[in-house]
């Protein structure tokens, strides 16, 4: 892609930016990158998972047993 900008929209603020010249890809700025990190740390984002059936979980160790 010589001479052409790779324009993208920032996933945080929606502002268009040149991906090749961004200081914090895939975001338009370090500020948007930090906002995204904060959302992960505050658990506003998450990865989907299926809870296991409680019957499938191992029983807790009995009193006096040493953990492995």
Protein backbone atom coordinates (compact mmCIF):
# COMPACT_ATOMS: atom_id res chain seq x y z
CA UNK A 1 0.00 0.00 0.00
CA UNK A 2 2.39 2.64 -1.02
CA UNK A 3 1.31 6.22 -0.47
CA UNK A 4 -2.17 5.41 0.77
CA UNK A 5 -3.30 5.80 4.36
CA UNK A 6 -4.92 2.88 6.12
CA UNK A 7 -7.80 4.74 7.73
CA UNK A 8 -9.64 3.05 10.56
CA UNK A 9 -12.14 4.14 13.19
CA UNK A 10 -10.98 4.03 16.79
CA UNK A 11 -12.99 1.39 18.69
CA UNK A 12 -13.20 3.70 21.73
CA UNK A 13 -13.96 7.19 20.42
CA UNK A 14 -14.93 6.42 16.81
CA UNK A 15 -12.54 9.01 15.38
CA UNK A 16 -10.98 8.09 12.03
CA UNK A 17 -7.18 7.74 12.14
CA UNK A 18 -4.29 6.42 10.05
CA UNK A 19 -3.41 2.99 11.44
CA UNK A 20 0.18 3.22 10.16
CA UNK A 21 0.84 6.47 12.05
CA UNK A 22 -0.97 5.68 15.28
CA UNK A 23 1.09 5.79 18.49
CA UNK A 24 -1.15 3.08 20.01
CA UNK A 25 -2.67 0.74 17.40
CA UNK A 26 -5.45 -0.35 17.11
CA UNK A 27 -6.48 2.86 18.89
CA UNK A 28 -6.10 6.44 17.72
CA UNK A 29 -4.20 7.56 20.83
CA UNK A 30 -2.61 6.41 24.07
CA UNK A 31 -5.63 7.90 25.88
CA UNK A 32 -8.07 5.59 24.07
CA UNK A 33 -5.73 2.65 24.68
CA UNK A 34 -5.78 3.39 28.44
CA UNK A 35 -9.57 3.75 28.43
CA UNK A 36 -9.80 0.29 26.86
CA UNK A 37 -7.39 -1.16 29.44
CA UNK A 38 -9.42 0.39 32.25
CA UNK A 39 -12.57 -1.24 30.91
CA UNK A 40 -10.89 -4.64 30.94
CA UNK A 41 -9.57 -4.10 34.47
CA UNK A 42 -12.99 -2.94 35.70
CA UNK A 43 -14.42 -6.12 34.14
CA UNK A 44 -16.72 -4.17 31.82
CA UNK A 45 -15.41 -6.47 29.08
CA UNK A 46 -15.09 -10.19 29.37
CA UNK A 47 -14.63 -13.36 27.43
CA UNK A 48 -17.57 -15.71 27.12
CA UNK A 49 -17.35 -19.00 28.96
CA UNK A 50 -19.63 -21.80 30.04
CA UNK A 51 -19.97 -22.54 33.72
CA UNK A 52 -19.32 -26.12 34.63
CA UNK A 53 -22.09 -28.08 36.24
CA UNK A 54 -21.53 -27.97 40.03
CA UNK A 55 -21.69 -31.78 40.02
CA UNK A 56 -18.58 -31.82 37.77
CA UNK A 57 -16.47 -29.84 40.26
CA UNK A 58 -14.14 -31.76 42.55
CA UNK A 59 -15.17 -31.91 46.19
CA UNK A 60 -13.28 -29.61 48.56
CA UNK A 61 -10.60 -31.34 50.65
CA UNK A 62 -11.80 -32.85 53.89
CA UNK A 63 -10.68 -31.19 57.11
CA UNK A 64 -7.14 -32.21 57.92
CA UNK A 65 -6.29 -33.27 54.36
CA UNK A 66 -3.28 -31.60 52.78
CA UNK A 67 -3.89 -29.86 49.45
CA UNK A 68 -1.97 -31.22 46.46
